[in-house]
Protein backbone atom coordinates (compact mmCIF):
# COMPACT_ATOMS: atom_id res chain seq x y z
CA MET A 1 58.92 84.59 121.56
CA THR A 2 58.00 88.31 121.39
CA PHE A 3 59.88 91.57 121.79
CA ASP A 4 61.05 92.15 125.37
CA PRO A 5 62.82 95.52 125.73
CA ALA A 6 64.10 94.60 129.21
CA ASN A 7 66.25 91.73 127.92
CA PRO A 8 69.98 92.35 127.25
CA LEU A 9 70.77 90.22 124.16
CA ILE A 10 70.43 90.98 120.46
CA VAL A 11 71.05 87.89 118.31
CA GLN A 12 72.01 88.49 114.68
CA ALA A 13 71.53 86.18 111.70
CA ASP A 14 75.32 85.82 111.25
CA ARG A 15 75.51 84.15 114.71
CA SER A 16 76.94 87.25 116.36
CA VAL A 17 75.34 88.23 119.65
CA PHE A 18 75.32 91.68 121.27
CA LEU A 19 75.12 91.99 125.05
CA GLU A 20 74.04 95.29 126.63
CA ALA A 21 76.63 95.47 129.40
CA PHE A 22 74.68 98.17 131.25
CA ASN A 23 71.48 96.09 131.42
CA PRO A 24 70.44 94.87 134.91
CA ARG A 25 69.97 91.39 133.44
CA ALA A 26 73.37 91.36 131.72
CA GLU A 27 75.22 89.26 134.28
CA ASP A 28 72.80 86.32 134.07
CA ALA A 29 72.86 86.46 130.29
CA ARG A 30 76.64 86.66 130.15
CA ARG A 31 76.98 83.62 132.41
CA ASP A 32 74.68 81.53 130.19
CA LEU A 33 76.16 82.79 126.93
CA ALA A 34 79.79 82.19 127.91
CA ALA A 35 79.13 78.43 128.00
CA PHE A 36 78.76 78.22 124.20
CA ALA A 37 79.87 81.51 122.60
CA GLU A 38 83.17 83.39 122.28
CA LEU A 39 83.62 87.05 123.24
CA VAL A 40 84.89 89.11 120.29
CA SER A 41 84.97 92.66 121.70
CA SER A 42 83.96 94.41 124.91
CA PRO A 43 83.71 98.22 124.68
CA GLU A 44 81.95 100.12 127.44
CA HIS A 45 78.31 99.45 126.65
CA LEU A 46 77.90 96.70 124.05
CA HIS A 47 79.83 93.42 124.14
CA THR A 48 79.97 91.26 121.00
CA TYR A 49 79.96 87.46 121.09
CA ARG A 50 80.12 84.97 118.24
CA ILE A 51 78.72 81.45 118.21
CA THR A 52 81.27 79.21 116.45
CA PRO A 53 81.34 75.49 115.66
CA LEU A 54 84.22 74.92 118.09
CA SER A 55 82.47 76.80 120.92
CA LEU A 56 79.37 74.66 120.35
CA TRP A 57 81.30 71.37 120.24
CA ASN A 58 83.19 72.19 123.43
CA ALA A 59 79.89 72.98 125.11
CA ALA A 60 78.29 69.77 123.81
CA ALA A 61 81.26 67.68 124.98
CA ALA A 62 80.94 69.29 128.43
CA GLY A 63 77.29 68.23 128.61
CA VAL A 64 75.42 71.35 127.44
CA SER A 65 72.61 70.33 125.09
CA ALA A 66 71.48 72.20 122.00
CA GLU A 67 68.10 72.81 123.60
CA GLN A 68 69.75 74.36 126.67
CA MET A 69 71.63 76.75 124.38
CA VAL A 70 68.49 77.60 122.42
CA ALA A 71 66.60 78.20 125.66
CA ALA A 72 69.34 80.53 126.91
CA LEU A 73 69.21 82.65 123.75
CA GLU A 74 65.42 82.86 123.78
CA ARG A 75 65.32 83.63 127.51
CA HIS A 76 67.68 86.59 127.25
CA ALA A 77 67.00 87.93 123.72
CA LYS A 78 65.38 91.32 123.24
CA PHE A 79 64.07 90.41 119.77
CA PRO A 80 63.02 87.01 118.37
CA VAL A 81 66.11 84.89 117.67
CA PRO A 82 66.61 84.48 113.89
CA GLN A 83 65.42 81.05 112.80
CA ASN A 84 68.60 80.32 110.87
CA VAL A 85 70.62 80.78 114.08
CA LEU A 86 68.47 78.29 115.96
CA HIS A 87 68.72 75.88 113.03
CA ASP A 88 72.51 76.28 112.77
CA LEU A 89 72.97 75.92 116.50
CA ARG A 90 71.03 72.66 116.64
CA GLU A 91 72.64 71.28 113.50
CA LEU A 92 76.22 72.14 114.44
CA THR A 93 75.83 70.95 118.04
CA LEU A 94 74.42 67.63 116.88
CA ARG A 95 77.51 67.01 114.76
CA TRP A 96 79.30 66.14 118.01
CA GLY A 97 79.06 62.37 118.50
CA ARG A 98 77.91 61.40 115.01
CA LEU A 99 81.42 60.34 113.99
CA ARG A 100 82.98 57.94 116.48
CA LEU A 101 86.37 56.28 116.71
CA VAL A 102 86.18 52.87 118.39
CA ALA A 103 88.58 50.03 119.10
CA HIS A 104 88.15 46.73 117.28
CA ASP A 105 90.34 43.64 117.17
CA GLY A 106 93.54 45.50 118.00
CA GLY A 107 92.82 48.30 115.54
CA LEU A 108 90.59 51.34 115.10
CA LEU A 109 87.32 51.89 113.29
CA LEU A 110 85.68 55.14 112.21
CA VAL A 111 81.97 54.46 112.52
CA VAL A 112 78.68 56.26 112.02
CA ASP A 113 75.07 55.23 112.39
CA ALA A 114 73.53 53.76 109.22
CA PRO A 115 71.68 56.95 108.17
CA ASP A 116 75.03 58.79 108.10
CA ALA A 117 76.69 56.39 105.65
CA PRO A 118 76.51 59.00 102.82
CA LEU A 119 78.23 61.51 105.12
CA LEU A 120 81.03 59.01 105.72
CA THR A 121 81.39 58.51 101.99
CA GLU A 122 81.65 62.26 101.47
CA LEU A 123 84.28 62.68 104.17
CA SER A 124 86.28 59.71 102.90
CA ARG A 125 86.78 61.65 99.66
CA ASN A 126 88.07 64.72 101.44
CA ARG A 127 91.61 65.44 100.26
CA ALA A 128 93.03 65.68 103.81
CA VAL A 129 91.02 62.82 105.30
CA ALA A 130 91.29 60.17 102.57
CA PRO A 131 95.02 59.34 103.02
CA LEU A 132 94.45 58.72 106.74
CA LEU A 133 91.78 56.04 106.31
CA GLY A 134 92.28 52.34 105.77
CA ASP A 135 89.91 49.90 104.08
CA ARG A 136 86.18 50.42 104.01
CA MET A 137 84.69 47.71 106.23
CA GLY A 138 81.04 48.45 105.46
CA ASP A 139 78.69 51.24 104.46
CA ALA A 140 79.14 52.95 107.83
CA VAL A 141 82.63 51.80 108.82
CA PHE A 142 86.23 52.60 107.83
CA ALA A 143 89.37 51.14 109.31
CA VAL A 144 91.87 53.69 110.66
CA PRO A 145 95.56 52.83 111.13
CA LEU A 146 96.60 53.17 114.76
CA VAL A 147 99.32 55.65 113.83
CA ASN A 148 96.68 58.03 112.41
CA ARG A 149 94.54 58.25 115.55
CA GLY A 150 95.53 61.83 116.26
CA VAL A 151 95.88 63.28 112.79
CA VAL A 152 92.55 61.92 111.54
CA LYS A 153 90.81 63.82 114.35
CA THR A 154 92.57 67.02 113.30
CA ALA A 155 91.70 66.51 109.62
CA LEU A 156 88.04 65.81 110.32
CA LEU A 157 87.78 68.83 112.63
CA GLU A 158 89.18 71.04 109.88
CA ALA A 159 86.57 69.54 107.54
CA GLY A 160 83.88 70.68 109.97
CA TRP A 161 83.19 67.37 111.67
CA PRO A 162 84.45 66.63 115.21
CA LEU A 163 85.38 63.03 115.92
CA ASP A 164 84.36 61.57 119.27
CA ASP A 165 87.27 59.33 120.26
CA GLN A 166 85.83 56.33 122.11
CA ALA A 167 88.66 53.93 121.28
CA GLY A 168 89.83 53.69 124.87
CA TYR A 169 93.39 53.68 126.15
CA SER A 170 96.32 51.39 126.70
CA ASP A 171 96.92 50.81 130.37
CA GLY A 172 100.23 52.00 131.75
CA LEU A 173 102.09 50.38 134.59
CA GLN A 174 99.96 50.24 137.71
CA TYR A 175 101.04 52.68 140.42
CA ALA A 176 98.41 53.40 143.01
CA PHE A 177 98.69 56.09 145.67
CA THR A 178 96.22 58.03 147.75
CA LEU A 179 95.57 61.62 148.67
CA SER A 180 96.63 62.90 152.06
CA SER A 181 93.96 62.59 154.74
CA ALA A 182 94.52 66.29 155.47
CA LEU A 183 93.54 67.34 151.93
CA ARG A 184 89.96 68.52 151.61
CA VAL A 185 89.03 68.13 147.96
CA ARG A 186 86.41 70.68 146.96
CA GLU A 187 83.23 69.44 145.31
CA TYR A 188 84.01 71.07 141.95
CA GLN A 189 87.54 69.62 141.94
CA GLN A 190 86.14 66.11 142.41
CA GLN A 191 83.48 66.76 139.76
CA ALA A 192 86.12 67.99 137.30
CA ALA A 193 88.32 64.91 137.77
CA GLU A 194 85.36 62.57 137.46
CA ALA A 195 84.09 64.39 134.34
CA PHE A 196 87.49 63.67 132.81
CA TYR A 197 87.76 60.04 133.97
CA ARG A 198 84.10 59.02 133.53
CA GLY A 199 84.50 55.88 135.55
CA GLY A 200 87.34 54.61 133.40
CA SER A 201 85.06 54.17 130.38
CA ALA A 202 86.06 54.76 126.77
CA GLU A 203 83.99 57.98 126.83
CA GLY A 204 86.44 59.46 129.35
CA GLY A 205 90.19 59.64 129.70
CA SER A 206 90.92 62.58 127.42
CA GLY A 207 89.96 66.22 127.59
CA VAL A 208 90.46 69.59 129.21
CA VAL A 209 89.41 71.03 132.58
CA VAL A 210 89.07 74.84 132.63
CA LEU A 211 89.34 76.53 136.04
CA ALA A 212 90.54 79.92 137.23
CA PRO A 213 94.10 80.36 138.51
CA GLY A 214 94.21 79.84 142.25
CA SER A 215 91.20 77.50 142.26
CA GLY A 216 93.24 74.32 142.60
CA LYS A 217 93.78 72.80 139.15
CA THR A 218 96.76 70.91 140.59
CA VAL A 219 94.37 69.17 143.00
CA VAL A 220 92.18 68.18 140.05
CA GLY A 221 95.25 66.65 138.44
CA MET A 222 96.11 64.73 141.60
CA VAL A 223 92.56 63.40 141.98
CA ALA A 224 92.69 62.25 138.33
CA MET A 225 96.00 60.50 139.02
CA THR A 226 94.48 58.55 141.90
CA LEU A 227 91.47 57.60 139.77
CA VAL A 228 93.72 56.28 136.98
CA GLY A 229 96.17 54.64 139.41
CA GLN A 230 99.04 54.33 136.92
CA ARG A 231 102.41 55.91 136.21
CA THR A 232 101.96 59.57 135.32
CA LEU A 233 103.93 62.11 133.29
CA VAL A 234 103.23 65.79 134.08
CA LEU A 235 104.25 68.35 131.43
CA THR A 236 104.32 71.97 132.56
CA THR A 237 105.57 75.43 131.67
CA ASN A 238 108.80 76.06 133.62
CA ARG A 239 110.97 74.86 136.46
CA THR A 240 109.11 76.97 138.99
CA SER A 241 105.99 75.05 138.03
CA VAL A 242 107.92 71.78 138.23
CA ALA A 243 108.95 72.64 141.79
CA GLN A 244 105.36 73.56 142.65
CA TRP A 245 104.01 70.25 141.31
CA GLU A 246 106.63 68.31 143.27
CA ARG A 247 105.89 70.30 146.43
CA GLU A 248 102.14 69.80 146.10
CA LEU A 249 102.39 66.08 145.31
CA LEU A 250 104.63 65.44 148.31
CA ALA A 251 102.49 67.53 150.66
CA ARG A 252 99.05 66.36 149.52
CA THR A 253 99.53 62.69 148.61
CA THR A 254 101.21 59.58 150.02
CA LEU A 255 103.96 59.81 147.38
CA THR A 256 107.55 60.04 148.65
CA PRO A 257 110.61 61.81 147.17
CA ASP A 258 111.68 58.46 145.69
CA GLU A 259 108.42 58.26 143.75
CA VAL A 260 108.07 61.77 142.31
CA GLY A 261 110.64 64.05 140.70
CA GLU A 262 111.81 66.16 137.80
CA TYR A 263 112.90 64.54 134.54
CA GLU A 264 116.68 64.39 134.34
CA PRO A 265 118.19 62.99 131.12
CA GLY A 266 120.15 59.82 131.73
CA ARG A 267 118.58 59.08 135.11
CA PRO A 268 115.82 56.53 135.86
CA LEU A 269 112.29 57.84 135.45
CA LYS A 270 110.16 58.03 138.57
CA PRO A 271 106.58 56.73 138.78
CA VAL A 272 105.39 60.35 138.70
CA THR A 273 107.76 62.39 136.54
CA VAL A 274 107.46 66.14 135.94
CA CYS A 275 109.03 67.77 132.87
CA THR A 276 108.91 71.21 131.25
CA TYR A 277 107.65 71.78 127.73
CA GLN A 278 110.94 73.57 127.06
CA MET A 279 112.94 70.47 127.92
CA LEU A 280 110.67 68.23 125.87
CA THR A 281 110.88 70.48 122.79
CA HIS A 282 114.61 71.25 123.05
CA ARG A 283 115.94 70.94 119.51
CA ARG A 284 119.39 69.55 118.84
CA ARG A 285 121.68 72.21 117.39
CA GLY A 286 122.11 72.02 113.64
CA THR A 287 118.87 70.11 113.00
CA GLU A 288 115.75 71.21 111.18
CA ARG A 289 112.33 71.28 112.80
CA ASP A 290 111.09 68.28 110.82
CA ASP A 291 114.19 66.12 111.31
CA LYS A 292 113.29 62.81 112.92
CA ASP A 293 116.02 63.17 115.56
CA ALA A 294 115.71 66.93 116.10
CA TYR A 295 114.17 66.61 119.58
CA PRO A 296 116.32 64.30 121.73
CA HIS A 297 114.00 64.36 124.75
CA MET A 298 110.79 63.55 122.89
CA GLY A 299 111.59 59.93 123.63
CA LEU A 300 110.42 60.64 127.18
CA ILE A 301 106.85 60.33 125.89
CA GLY A 302 107.41 56.68 124.97
CA ALA A 303 110.14 55.86 127.46
CA ALA A 304 107.82 54.49 130.13
CA GLU A 305 104.42 52.88 130.27
CA TRP A 306 102.60 56.05 131.27
CA GLY A 307 98.95 55.54 132.09
CA LEU A 308 98.25 59.27 132.21
CA ILE A 309 99.84 62.39 130.76
CA VAL A 310 98.87 65.69 132.42
CA TYR A 311 99.32 68.80 130.27
CA ASP A 312 99.50 71.74 132.67
CA GLU A 313 98.61 75.13 131.13
CA VAL A 314 97.56 73.21 128.01
CA HIS A 315 96.74 76.43 126.14
CA LEU A 316 100.54 77.00 125.98
CA LEU A 317 101.31 73.57 124.52
CA PRO A 318 104.14 74.19 122.02
CA ALA A 319 103.61 73.33 118.36
CA PRO A 320 106.27 70.54 118.31
CA VAL A 321 104.32 68.72 121.02
CA PHE A 322 101.29 68.72 118.73
CA ARG A 323 103.36 66.84 116.16
CA ILE A 324 104.27 64.07 118.58
CA THR A 325 100.96 64.07 120.43
CA ALA A 326 99.59 61.81 117.69
CA GLU A 327 101.99 59.16 118.99
CA VAL A 328 100.42 59.18 122.47
CA GLN A 329 96.75 59.03 121.54
CA ALA A 330 96.54 55.64 123.26
CA ARG A 331 97.40 57.29 126.60
CA ARG A 332 94.92 59.04 128.85
CA ARG A 333 95.43 62.81 128.49
CA LEU A 334 94.29 65.53 130.87
CA GLY A 335 94.69 69.19 129.95
CA LEU A 336 94.53 71.79 132.72
CA THR A 337 94.11 75.48 131.93
CA ALA A 338 92.53 78.75 132.99
CA THR A 339 91.59 79.60 129.39
CA LEU A 340 91.26 77.72 126.13
CA VAL A 341 92.38 80.86 124.28
CA ARG A 342 95.50 80.34 122.14
CA GLU A 343 97.06 83.35 120.46
CA ASP A 344 98.20 81.16 117.53
CA GLY A 345 94.60 80.18 116.81
CA ARG A 346 95.22 76.46 117.41
CA GLU A 347 92.36 75.90 119.84
CA GLY A 348 91.13 73.26 117.41
CA ASP A 349 94.34 71.27 117.85
CA VAL A 350 93.83 71.18 121.61
CA PHE A 351 90.25 69.98 121.04
CA ALA A 352 91.28 67.27 118.58
CA LEU A 353 94.54 66.00 120.08
CA ILE A 354 94.17 66.51 123.83
CA GLY A 355 90.39 66.30 123.95
CA PRO A 356 87.29 68.48 124.27
CA LYS A 357 86.41 70.57 127.28
CA ARG A 358 85.13 68.22 129.97
CA TYR A 359 84.55 70.69 132.81
CA ASP A 360 84.36 74.46 133.20
CA ARG A 361 83.35 76.64 136.13
CA PRO A 362 83.05 80.43 135.66
CA TRP A 363 85.58 82.56 137.51
CA LYS A 364 82.90 84.76 139.04
CA THR A 365 81.06 81.70 140.36
CA LEU A 366 84.24 80.56 142.11
CA GLU A 367 84.66 84.09 143.46
CA GLN A 368 81.11 84.21 144.82
CA GLU A 369 81.68 80.82 146.46
CA GLY A 370 84.83 82.13 148.14
CA PHE A 371 87.23 79.75 146.36
CA ILE A 372 89.17 82.56 144.67
CA ALA A 373 89.76 86.10 145.86
CA GLN A 374 87.64 89.03 144.72
CA ALA A 375 89.66 91.17 142.35
CA GLU A 376 89.27 94.70 141.00
CA CYS A 377 90.81 95.50 137.61
CA VAL A 378 92.06 99.06 137.03
CA GLU A 379 93.54 100.47 133.84
CA VAL A 380 95.74 103.52 134.44
CA ARG A 381 96.07 105.59 131.27
CA LEU A 382 98.73 108.27 130.77
CA PRO A 383 100.12 110.07 127.72
CA LEU A 384 103.56 109.76 126.19
CA PRO A 385 105.92 112.60 127.07
CA GLN A 386 106.22 115.06 124.20
CA ALA A 387 109.78 113.99 123.32
CA GLU A 388 108.70 110.34 123.08
CA ARG A 389 105.75 111.21 120.86
CA VAL A 390 108.12 112.36 118.13
CA SER A 391 110.01 109.05 118.26
CA TYR A 392 106.73 107.13 118.35
CA ALA A 393 105.31 108.92 115.32
CA ALA A 394 108.41 108.17 113.22
CA ALA A 395 108.88 104.54 114.35
CA PRO A 396 107.99 101.45 112.30
CA ASP A 397 104.74 99.80 113.39
CA ARG A 398 106.42 97.00 115.33
CA GLU A 399 108.58 99.45 117.30
CA LYS A 400 105.61 101.61 118.27
CA HIS A 401 104.42 99.06 120.83
CA ARG A 402 107.74 98.97 122.64
CA ILE A 403 108.07 102.77 122.74
CA ALA A 404 104.57 103.05 124.20
CA ALA A 405 105.13 100.17 126.63
CA GLU A 406 108.38 101.70 127.94
CA ASN A 407 106.81 105.12 128.51
CA PRO A 408 109.24 106.58 131.09
CA ASP A 409 106.40 108.18 133.05
CA LYS A 410 105.21 104.70 134.00
CA ARG A 411 107.98 104.59 136.60
CA ALA A 412 106.42 107.51 138.44
CA VAL A 413 102.97 105.90 138.16
CA VAL A 414 104.34 102.73 139.72
CA SER A 415 105.74 104.74 142.63
CA ALA A 416 102.39 106.49 143.11
CA LEU A 417 100.51 103.18 143.12
CA LEU A 418 102.92 101.69 145.64
CA ARG A 419 102.33 104.68 147.92
CA GLU A 420 98.58 104.04 147.66
CA HIS A 421 99.18 100.44 148.76
CA ALA A 422 102.03 100.93 151.22
CA GLY A 423 102.85 97.77 153.15
CA VAL A 424 100.72 95.54 150.93
CA PRO A 425 102.37 92.44 149.32
CA THR A 426 102.84 93.55 145.71
CA LEU A 427 104.13 92.16 142.41
CA ILE A 428 105.28 94.24 139.42
CA ILE A 429 105.42 92.45 136.07
CA GLY A 430 106.38 93.47 132.56
CA GLN A 431 107.79 92.49 129.20
CA TYR A 432 110.94 94.60 128.78
CA LEU A 433 114.01 94.00 130.91
CA ASP A 434 115.44 97.54 130.64
CA GLN A 435 112.19 98.98 131.96
CA LEU A 436 111.98 96.42 134.76
CA THR A 437 115.59 96.99 135.78
CA LEU A 438 114.95 100.72 136.23
CA ILE A 439 111.75 100.08 138.21
CA ALA A 440 113.55 97.58 140.48
CA GLN A 441 116.26 100.18 141.09
CA ASP A 442 113.67 102.88 141.82
CA GLN A 443 111.98 100.69 144.42
CA GLU A 444 115.11 98.94 145.70
CA ALA A 445 113.31 95.68 145.02
CA PRO A 446 114.57 92.29 143.77
CA LEU A 447 114.20 91.55 140.05
CA ILE A 448 113.45 88.05 138.75
CA THR A 449 114.06 87.33 135.05
CA GLY A 450 114.69 84.26 132.92
CA LYS A 451 118.36 84.48 133.88
CA THR A 452 117.69 84.32 137.62
CA PRO A 453 118.84 80.91 138.92
CA GLN A 454 116.02 78.65 140.07
CA ARG A 455 117.43 78.45 143.59
CA GLU A 456 117.41 82.28 143.87
CA ARG A 457 113.85 82.46 142.54
CA GLU A 458 112.65 80.00 145.14
CA ARG A 459 114.50 81.89 147.89
CA LEU A 460 112.80 85.17 146.93
CA PHE A 461 109.38 83.57 146.58
CA GLN A 462 109.71 82.00 150.04
CA ALA A 463 110.79 85.34 151.49
CA PHE A 464 107.67 86.90 149.92
CA ARG A 465 105.46 84.19 151.43
CA GLU A 466 107.00 84.85 154.83
CA ARG A 467 106.53 88.64 154.46
CA ARG A 468 110.28 89.26 154.67
CA VAL A 469 110.08 90.71 151.13
CA GLY A 470 107.05 92.82 150.30
CA LEU A 471 107.72 93.68 146.64
CA ILE A 472 109.10 91.63 143.73
CA VAL A 473 109.63 92.86 140.16
CA MET A 474 109.33 90.12 137.52
CA SER A 475 109.62 89.59 133.79
CA LYS A 476 107.18 87.32 131.95
CA VAL A 477 108.59 84.34 133.89
CA GLY A 478 106.06 85.42 136.51
CA ASN A 479 103.09 84.72 134.24
CA PHE A 480 102.62 81.16 135.49
CA ALA A 481 102.77 78.84 138.47
CA LEU A 482 103.50 81.33 141.21
CA ASP A 483 102.35 80.01 144.58
CA LEU A 484 102.19 83.41 146.29
CA PRO A 485 98.78 83.41 147.98
CA ASP A 486 99.37 86.62 149.96
CA ALA A 487 99.93 88.83 146.89
CA GLU A 488 97.24 91.53 147.01
CA VAL A 489 98.38 93.95 144.29
CA LEU A 490 99.88 93.35 140.86
CA VAL A 491 101.03 96.20 138.62
CA GLN A 492 101.44 95.31 134.93
CA VAL A 493 103.71 97.84 133.22
CA SER A 494 104.00 96.13 129.83
CA GLY A 495 102.91 92.96 128.06
CA ALA A 496 103.09 90.79 124.97
CA PHE A 497 101.03 92.87 122.54
CA GLY A 498 97.33 91.85 122.69
CA SER A 499 97.69 88.53 124.51
CA ARG A 500 94.39 87.59 126.18
CA GLN A 501 95.92 84.55 127.82
CA GLU A 502 98.73 86.60 129.37
CA GLU A 503 96.26 89.12 130.80
CA ALA A 504 94.23 86.30 132.34
CA GLN A 505 97.28 84.57 133.79
CA ARG A 506 98.62 87.78 135.31
CA LEU A 507 95.34 88.51 137.05
CA GLY A 508 95.49 84.90 138.15
CA ARG A 509 98.61 85.59 140.22
CA LEU A 510 96.30 87.42 142.64
CA LEU A 511 93.37 85.04 142.86
CA ARG A 512 94.46 82.62 145.55
CA PRO A 513 92.16 83.18 148.54
CA LYS A 514 93.61 85.52 151.16
CA ALA A 515 94.02 84.41 154.76
CA ASP A 516 91.94 87.39 155.94
CA GLY A 517 89.31 86.93 153.21
CA GLY A 518 90.34 90.20 151.56
CA GLY A 519 90.43 91.09 147.89
CA ALA A 520 93.09 92.05 145.36
CA THR A 521 93.75 94.81 142.83
CA PHE A 522 95.17 94.32 139.33
CA TYR A 523 96.61 97.46 137.70
CA SER A 524 97.46 97.69 134.03
CA VAL A 525 99.44 100.83 133.15
CA VAL A 526 98.76 101.81 129.53
CA THR A 527 99.97 104.65 127.29
CA ARG A 528 97.01 106.59 125.93
CA GLU A 529 96.48 107.15 122.16
CA THR A 530 99.01 104.49 121.11
CA THR A 531 98.92 100.93 119.85
CA GLU A 532 99.33 99.82 123.47
CA GLU A 533 95.85 101.13 124.21
CA ASP A 534 94.47 99.09 121.29
CA HIS A 535 96.32 96.00 122.48
CA ALA A 536 94.97 96.54 126.00
CA HIS A 537 91.39 96.34 124.72
CA HIS A 538 92.13 92.98 123.09
CA ARG A 539 94.05 91.68 126.11
CA GLN A 540 91.01 92.27 128.30
CA LEU A 541 88.57 90.23 126.19
CA PHE A 542 88.81 86.94 128.05
CA LEU A 543 88.52 88.59 131.44
CA ALA A 544 85.52 90.58 130.24
CA GLU A 545 83.96 87.27 129.19
CA GLN A 546 84.48 86.06 132.75
CA GLY A 547 82.66 89.11 134.10
CA TYR A 548 85.53 91.43 135.06
CA ALA A 549 85.28 95.13 134.23
CA TYR A 550 88.21 97.58 134.12
CA ARG A 551 87.93 100.86 135.98
CA ILE A 552 89.74 103.61 134.05
CA VAL A 553 91.96 105.96 136.05
CA ASP A 554 93.74 109.07 134.76
CA GLY A 555 97.47 108.62 135.30
CA GLU A 556 98.15 112.36 135.10
CA GLY A 557 95.84 112.96 138.03
CA LEU A 558 97.59 110.22 139.97
CA LEU A 559 100.97 111.85 139.31
CA ALA A 560 99.57 115.22 140.35
CA GLY A 561 98.95 113.80 143.81
CA GLU A 562 95.19 113.44 143.46
CA GLY A 563 95.35 109.77 144.51
CA LEU A 564 93.12 107.00 143.21
CA PRO A 565 89.49 107.95 142.71
CA VAL A 566 86.97 105.77 144.53
CA SER A 567 85.12 105.21 141.25
CA GLY A 568 85.67 106.02 137.64
CA VAL A 569 84.83 105.13 134.08
CA THR A 570 84.44 101.40 133.52
CA ALA A 571 85.47 99.66 130.30
């Protein structure tokens, strides 16, 4: 290829890629690049991506070939793509599928093709891998104890070699049901479920489906359940999500209340049982994390012949579940998420233990197709009051974020934004309860926190759906599983440091399609020239990767009565 100054990508020899965000061709390039590269930073004009082994293996597992990735880089690159990048991309991508785990005579075998026998020898001498292997059965074959099915995948991934698990699954107890005749499954939802199931073959049955909030991941889960046709355990984030799963299953399938329900210790398990991660990872008082009996409810995993385990919001899977996930490798496992980003850096564990990405559809594609609402992102920046700046300057680093996040002038900004959107169904969400309590008092609005009883939460949510309540203030319990399709505005007043996944989930509260086809507005109120501003840049990375841009608004002008400008600086 030759130099093309009109193209928007600059590919570097270290596998970093720069995207000119202002370029007319940027959107097409971003869409292609996001399939196999990770966004690192997104300032106003130049976004930085990095091609990593894990991003390549997820793309390969989802069906993107090395040549498709090479073609995308060469199609959009301004300068010739460095040869070492093309070589690395092909070589790393082709690692996927060279090591395979297969079932044999009631056990497991780690196999490679004959030319890769030396590779297998090398890996068998790896300090982390060697203790997990059994006898060598031939030049290209090792036995693997059943109990090591999960951990050997993790060890090999850390050694730089993904293991394609084709060992198949133990069947659970048969339990067939059908979807409601009134449910219209969208084409992409059916495709996602089938990409996971793969006709019941050993190549399917484990992996992750990535779809935007509001696009119907629950429906994907239900379609997968009907394809498997066996008893199912659904693990999810909180009791609000449990209630939503129950409500959806009863409304959209032929299941009855006797067949689906929440896990209750000491009571019989239902054919479709829903449980929170918190319940599953509850640790008995006085025990250590590694004690065998520390988690009394972990037995739920093996308490019934589950044919399928659905991990809702799999990017939030708690670390203790990773430890026991190795025990359920023989079960089909479906992860559902809006983003594979994990703030603890354990994306590799999701890949190894739950499975690779099987299906992904860009948020902006779903928006263009009308399956999620159009959303505008606005960052409102305002300074700290002078008195608070003194406290901020003298505070330890960890306290600086809270001082900036609880900027007292944010309360006035919230009031100004609500005046701009008078009568519009609105959510306010934040991290700090003192701040939220004051805002709820200012607006005479209900406040939902972790201490709010589940019955009261459901009452308020239903009142919001019925337009009897037009404003709800929420703590971080509102990050997930809110079925509030009419919400048109969300104001974020504080968050968990630089959490990309939290930013994405909060925008997701607005993305359910509106009855009138209208759009939504996501405000993030940020204190200028503080660590909160730095965290905000990091929080926005995943959404920038999905094609969202933040319009910057001056909070001081808003407080001065100037209103919201029609346009402004975009980050």
